[in-house]
Amino acid sequence: MITGVAGSGKSSLVHGSVPADAGVIEIDQGAIRGSRRSNPATYTGLLDPIRKAFAKANGVKPALFSANSEGACPGCNGAGVIYTDLAMMAGVATTCEECEGKRFQAAVLEYRFGGKDISEVLAMSVAQAEEFLGSGEARIPAAHKILQRLVDVGLGYLRLGQPLTTLSGGERQRLKLATHMSEKGGIYVLDEPTTGLHLADVEQLLGLLDRLVEAGKSVIVIEHHQAVMAHADWIIDLGPGAGHDGGRIVFEGTPADLVASRATLTGEHLADYVEG
């Protein structure tokens, strides 16, 4: 784990030390590629097995169950809203009257899977969908695996059809983590993955990171959260300050050693957290 005050050189140290050919999966809080039509279901590949299941159950083409393809509402082209450009002012988005924001043609919404139409499934939260698609007549194993990973990273509350443009930096990072968890890279680099997380979700994230390590992965976390520091196997603390006063390794060792020494600002804060 890499710690230190803001501007002390944490990211520079990681990027300058890990070889590019080492199978690195880097997950930051940057914007996710995709239009305002993109959502967690499309970004993670979750929509593909759902579309195929709807198509098989109803004897029609999978393309009908994509709001970006043949099933799109003609009134809003599958956006669910009508965008009005007001020239010098900010544009206005109004709910499409034809589909009532559901994004699909009325005929498509007649098709059911597990008693739900496609718009109802996309309106579900990740946690609701995990339960719905995890058992019974609506069971889709491929979709359920993706949903489990989303729950593991603390995103159980997101709606499957929620526009990616509404996600925070921390949510984007955890969505990327859930998507990359099935890849074969040997090193994961995460930049402040706890941003915006409730303490209970931090514990859940730590459990996930433990499972990655147990699976033989190396996990490098740049973080300020004391719970993550206390949980780490090894800490490299940079400082002593920021900018010209940073860039030096001021501590290297276990969290217990850092608490015992109180040798750095990070050590003092971690000691207060552990002893408090």
Protein backbone atom coordinates (compact mmCIF):
# COMPACT_ATOMS: atom_id res chain seq x y z
CA MET A 1 0.00 0.00 0.00
CA ILE A 2 1.22 3.53 -0.85
CA THR A 3 0.40 6.33 1.58
CA GLY A 4 1.37 9.95 2.13
CA VAL A 5 -0.03 13.46 2.01
CA ALA A 6 -1.59 14.76 -1.21
CA GLY A 7 1.12 15.69 -3.69
CA SER A 8 3.82 13.58 -2.05
CA GLY A 9 4.44 11.53 -5.20
CA LYS A 10 2.40 8.36 -4.57
CA SER A 11 1.10 7.92 -8.13
CA SER A 12 4.48 8.85 -9.61
CA LEU A 13 6.17 6.17 -7.52
CA VAL A 14 3.77 3.47 -8.67
CA HIS A 15 3.81 4.45 -12.33
CA GLY A 16 7.59 4.70 -12.34
CA SER A 17 8.16 1.38 -10.58
CA VAL A 18 5.76 -1.10 -12.15
CA PRO A 19 6.90 -2.36 -15.60
CA ALA A 20 4.38 -1.83 -18.38
CA ASP A 21 4.66 -5.47 -19.46
CA ALA A 22 3.98 -6.86 -15.98
CA GLY A 23 0.29 -7.58 -16.63
CA VAL A 24 -0.89 -4.48 -14.78
CA ILE A 25 -4.60 -3.70 -14.46
CA GLU A 26 -4.79 -0.04 -13.48
CA ILE A 27 -8.10 1.21 -12.12
CA ASP A 28 -8.47 4.93 -11.48
CA GLN A 29 -11.36 7.38 -11.04
CA GLY A 30 -11.18 8.75 -14.56
CA ALA A 31 -14.19 9.05 -16.84
CA ILE A 32 -15.52 5.86 -18.40
CA ARG A 33 -15.72 5.75 -22.17
CA GLY A 34 -19.25 5.73 -23.43
CA SER A 35 -22.12 8.04 -24.28
CA ARG A 36 -24.96 9.17 -22.04
CA ARG A 37 -26.78 6.09 -23.34
CA SER A 38 -24.23 3.85 -21.62
CA ASN A 39 -25.07 2.29 -18.26
CA PRO A 40 -23.73 -0.40 -15.89
CA ALA A 41 -25.54 -3.13 -17.87
CA THR A 42 -23.91 -2.15 -21.17
CA TYR A 43 -20.48 -1.27 -19.72
CA THR A 44 -20.00 -4.56 -17.86
CA GLY A 45 -21.38 -6.77 -20.64
CA LEU A 46 -24.30 -7.71 -18.40
CA LEU A 47 -26.87 -6.73 -21.02
CA ASP A 48 -25.67 -9.37 -23.50
CA PRO A 49 -26.77 -12.49 -21.57
CA ILE A 50 -29.98 -10.69 -20.50
CA ARG A 51 -30.85 -9.85 -24.12
CA LYS A 52 -30.15 -13.43 -25.22
CA ALA A 53 -32.34 -14.82 -22.42
CA PHE A 54 -35.24 -12.52 -23.38
CA ALA A 55 -34.82 -13.45 -27.06
CA LYS A 56 -34.75 -17.21 -26.37
CA ALA A 57 -37.78 -17.04 -24.07
CA ASN A 58 -39.83 -15.14 -26.67
CA GLY A 59 -38.50 -16.57 -29.94
CA VAL A 60 -37.30 -13.21 -31.28
CA LYS A 61 -33.99 -11.45 -32.04
CA PRO A 62 -31.71 -10.22 -29.18
CA ALA A 63 -31.38 -6.84 -30.95
CA LEU A 64 -34.96 -6.02 -29.95
CA PHE A 65 -33.86 -5.80 -26.32
CA SER A 66 -31.29 -3.09 -26.88
CA ALA A 67 -32.39 0.54 -26.63
CA ASN A 68 -29.48 1.38 -28.93
CA SER A 69 -30.64 -1.03 -31.65
CA GLU A 70 -33.84 -2.40 -33.16
CA GLY A 71 -35.90 -2.19 -29.98
CA ALA A 72 -35.42 1.53 -29.50
CA CYS A 73 -38.38 3.82 -29.07
CA PRO A 74 -38.71 5.79 -32.35
CA GLY A 75 -39.75 8.94 -30.53
CA CYS A 76 -36.50 9.38 -28.61
CA ASN A 77 -34.27 6.89 -30.46
CA GLY A 78 -33.93 4.86 -27.28
CA ALA A 79 -32.66 7.69 -25.09
CA GLY A 80 -35.77 7.83 -22.91
CA VAL A 81 -35.63 11.62 -23.02
CA ILE A 82 -35.87 14.34 -25.63
CA TYR A 83 -32.96 16.78 -25.63
CA THR A 84 -33.72 20.37 -26.59
CA ASP A 85 -30.79 22.59 -27.54
CA LEU A 86 -31.30 26.13 -26.22
CA ALA A 87 -28.32 27.65 -28.05
CA MET A 88 -26.53 29.91 -25.56
CA MET A 89 -28.21 28.28 -22.55
CA ALA A 90 -27.85 24.77 -21.16
CA GLY A 91 -29.94 22.19 -23.01
CA VAL A 92 -33.09 20.72 -21.49
CA ALA A 93 -33.98 17.03 -21.29
CA THR A 94 -37.65 16.04 -21.00
CA THR A 95 -39.06 12.54 -20.59
CA CYS A 96 -40.17 11.03 -23.89
CA GLU A 97 -43.97 10.96 -23.99
CA GLU A 98 -44.10 8.04 -26.42
CA CYS A 99 -42.24 5.51 -24.23
CA GLU A 100 -42.59 7.38 -20.90
CA GLY A 101 -38.83 7.14 -20.40
CA LYS A 102 -38.70 3.36 -20.80
CA ARG A 103 -36.56 3.68 -23.97
CA PHE A 104 -38.16 0.75 -25.82
CA GLN A 105 -40.94 0.34 -28.38
CA ALA A 106 -44.29 -0.63 -26.90
CA ALA A 107 -44.24 -3.93 -28.82
CA VAL A 108 -40.90 -4.89 -27.21
CA LEU A 109 -42.32 -4.32 -23.74
CA GLU A 110 -44.93 -7.00 -24.44
CA TYR A 111 -42.18 -9.63 -24.27
CA ARG A 112 -41.55 -11.06 -20.81
CA PHE A 113 -38.84 -13.00 -19.04
CA GLY A 114 -39.43 -14.20 -15.50
CA GLY A 115 -42.59 -12.08 -15.49
CA LYS A 116 -40.70 -8.83 -16.23
CA ASP A 117 -40.24 -6.77 -19.38
CA ILE A 118 -36.77 -5.50 -20.34
CA SER A 119 -37.38 -1.96 -19.01
CA GLU A 120 -38.39 -3.39 -15.61
CA VAL A 121 -35.19 -5.41 -15.42
CA LEU A 122 -33.04 -2.38 -16.31
CA ALA A 123 -34.85 -0.35 -13.63
CA MET A 124 -33.75 -2.86 -10.97
CA SER A 125 -30.87 -2.17 -8.62
CA VAL A 126 -27.84 -4.46 -8.89
CA ALA A 127 -28.83 -6.15 -5.63
CA GLN A 128 -32.40 -6.73 -6.83
CA ALA A 129 -31.19 -8.08 -10.16
CA GLU A 130 -28.72 -10.41 -8.46
CA GLU A 131 -31.59 -12.01 -6.58
CA PHE A 132 -33.95 -12.02 -9.58
CA LEU A 133 -31.44 -13.51 -12.05
CA GLY A 134 -29.81 -15.83 -9.53
CA SER A 135 -32.50 -18.46 -9.17
CA GLY A 136 -35.83 -19.78 -10.43
CA GLU A 137 -37.19 -19.35 -13.96
CA ALA A 138 -35.25 -16.10 -14.44
CA ARG A 139 -31.86 -17.65 -13.61
CA ILE A 140 -29.07 -16.46 -15.93
CA PRO A 141 -25.69 -17.76 -14.59
CA ALA A 142 -23.55 -15.53 -16.85
CA ALA A 143 -25.42 -12.40 -15.74
CA HIS A 144 -25.43 -13.49 -12.10
CA LYS A 145 -21.60 -13.72 -12.04
CA ILE A 146 -21.28 -10.12 -13.22
CA LEU A 147 -23.88 -8.94 -10.71
CA GLN A 148 -22.05 -10.70 -7.86
CA ARG A 149 -18.87 -8.80 -8.75
CA LEU A 150 -20.79 -5.51 -8.73
CA VAL A 151 -22.20 -6.32 -5.29
CA ASP A 152 -18.70 -7.28 -4.10
CA VAL A 153 -17.37 -3.81 -4.91
CA GLY A 154 -20.22 -2.09 -3.07
CA LEU A 155 -22.37 -1.10 -6.05
CA GLY A 156 -25.48 -3.06 -5.12
CA TYR A 157 -27.55 0.14 -5.05
CA LEU A 158 -26.88 1.22 -8.66
CA ARG A 159 -29.66 0.72 -11.19
CA LEU A 160 -28.71 -1.45 -14.17
CA GLY A 161 -29.93 1.21 -16.61
CA GLN A 162 -28.52 4.23 -14.74
CA PRO A 163 -26.54 6.52 -17.09
CA LEU A 164 -22.80 6.31 -16.50
CA THR A 165 -22.68 10.12 -16.57
CA THR A 166 -24.41 10.13 -13.14
CA LEU A 167 -21.70 8.07 -11.41
CA SER A 168 -19.14 9.61 -9.04
CA GLY A 169 -15.38 9.07 -9.41
CA GLY A 170 -15.36 6.38 -6.75
CA GLU A 171 -18.33 4.60 -8.34
CA ARG A 172 -16.64 4.65 -11.75
CA GLN A 173 -13.50 3.15 -10.25
CA ARG A 174 -15.38 0.34 -8.53
CA LEU A 175 -17.35 -0.34 -11.72
CA LYS A 176 -14.04 -0.70 -13.56
CA LEU A 177 -12.75 -3.02 -10.83
CA ALA A 178 -15.82 -5.26 -11.11
CA THR A 179 -15.40 -5.37 -14.89
CA HIS A 180 -11.66 -6.20 -14.76
CA MET A 181 -11.88 -8.83 -12.03
CA SER A 182 -12.26 -11.62 -14.59
CA GLU A 183 -9.11 -10.62 -16.49
CA LYS A 184 -5.78 -12.45 -16.23
CA GLY A 185 -3.53 -9.57 -15.16
CA GLY A 186 -1.27 -10.30 -12.19
CA ILE A 187 -1.06 -6.80 -10.67
CA TYR A 188 -3.97 -4.55 -9.70
CA VAL A 189 -3.30 -0.85 -9.06
CA LEU A 190 -6.16 1.04 -7.37
CA ASP A 191 -6.17 4.79 -6.75
CA GLU A 192 -8.24 5.62 -3.61
CA PRO A 193 -10.94 2.99 -4.18
CA THR A 194 -12.79 3.90 -0.95
CA THR A 195 -13.80 7.36 -2.18
CA GLY A 196 -17.48 7.87 -1.33
CA LEU A 197 -17.88 4.50 0.38
CA HIS A 198 -19.74 3.89 3.64
CA LEU A 199 -17.67 2.12 6.32
CA ALA A 200 -19.65 -1.12 5.80
CA ASP A 201 -18.83 -1.00 2.10
CA VAL A 202 -15.15 -0.38 2.89
CA GLU A 203 -15.13 -3.65 4.84
CA GLN A 204 -16.73 -5.38 1.86
CA LEU A 205 -14.11 -3.92 -0.48
CA LEU A 206 -11.30 -5.08 1.80
CA GLY A 207 -12.72 -8.60 1.67
CA LEU A 208 -12.68 -8.42 -2.11
CA LEU A 209 -9.05 -7.25 -2.16
CA ASP A 210 -8.17 -10.13 0.17
CA ARG A 211 -9.72 -12.59 -2.29
CA LEU A 212 -7.67 -11.13 -5.13
CA VAL A 213 -4.50 -11.61 -3.08
CA GLU A 214 -5.52 -15.14 -2.12
CA ALA A 215 -5.99 -15.85 -5.84
CA GLY A 216 -2.34 -14.99 -6.40
CA LYS A 217 -2.75 -11.36 -7.53
CA SER A 218 -0.60 -8.47 -6.32
CA VAL A 219 -2.72 -5.52 -5.18
CA ILE A 220 -1.21 -2.03 -4.91
CA VAL A 221 -3.52 0.54 -3.33
CA ILE A 222 -2.95 4.30 -3.15
CA GLU A 223 -5.12 5.34 -0.25
CA HIS A 224 -5.70 7.67 2.74
CA HIS A 225 -8.36 5.62 4.53
CA GLN A 226 -7.05 4.37 7.89
CA ALA A 227 -9.11 1.16 7.77
CA VAL A 228 -7.37 0.20 4.53
CA MET A 229 -3.97 1.15 5.97
CA ALA A 230 -4.55 -1.02 9.02
CA HIS A 231 -5.55 -3.92 6.80
CA ALA A 232 -2.53 -3.75 4.48
CA ASP A 233 0.31 -6.29 4.49
CA TRP A 234 2.97 -3.65 3.76
CA ILE A 235 3.00 0.15 3.68
CA ILE A 236 5.27 2.52 1.80
CA ASP A 237 4.77 6.06 3.13
CA LEU A 238 5.93 9.06 1.08
CA GLY A 239 6.68 12.55 2.28
CA PRO A 240 7.48 14.25 4.48
CA GLY A 241 5.43 16.94 2.72
CA ALA A 242 4.04 17.70 -0.73
CA GLY A 243 5.63 18.95 -3.93
CA HIS A 244 9.31 19.83 -3.39
CA ASP A 245 8.98 18.57 0.18
CA GLY A 246 7.75 15.15 -0.97
CA GLY A 247 9.02 12.32 -3.13
CA ARG A 248 10.96 10.51 -0.40
CA ILE A 249 10.15 7.19 1.24
CA VAL A 250 9.81 8.12 4.91
CA PHE A 251 8.62 4.71 6.08
CA GLU A 252 8.47 1.16 4.79
CA GLY A 253 7.10 -1.74 6.79
CA THR A 254 4.01 -3.27 8.36
CA PRO A 255 1.08 -1.21 9.67
CA ALA A 256 1.98 -2.37 13.21
CA ASP A 257 5.51 -1.01 12.80
CA LEU A 258 4.17 2.30 11.47
CA VAL A 259 1.84 2.64 14.46
CA ALA A 260 4.59 1.73 16.91
CA SER A 261 7.08 4.21 15.46
CA ARG A 262 4.70 7.15 14.85
CA ALA A 263 7.58 8.33 12.71
CA THR A 264 5.46 10.09 10.09
CA LEU A 265 2.27 12.11 9.85
CA THR A 266 0.55 9.04 8.39
CA GLY A 267 1.82 6.99 11.34
CA GLU A 268 0.38 9.45 13.84
CA HIS A 269 -3.06 9.38 12.19
CA LEU A 270 -3.03 5.60 11.89
CA ALA A 271 -2.03 5.24 15.56
CA ASP A 272 -4.90 7.51 16.63
CA TYR A 273 -7.29 5.41 14.51
CA VAL A 274 -6.07 2.05 15.83
CA GLU A 275 -5.85 3.14 19.47
CA GLY A 276 -9.09 5.11 19.38
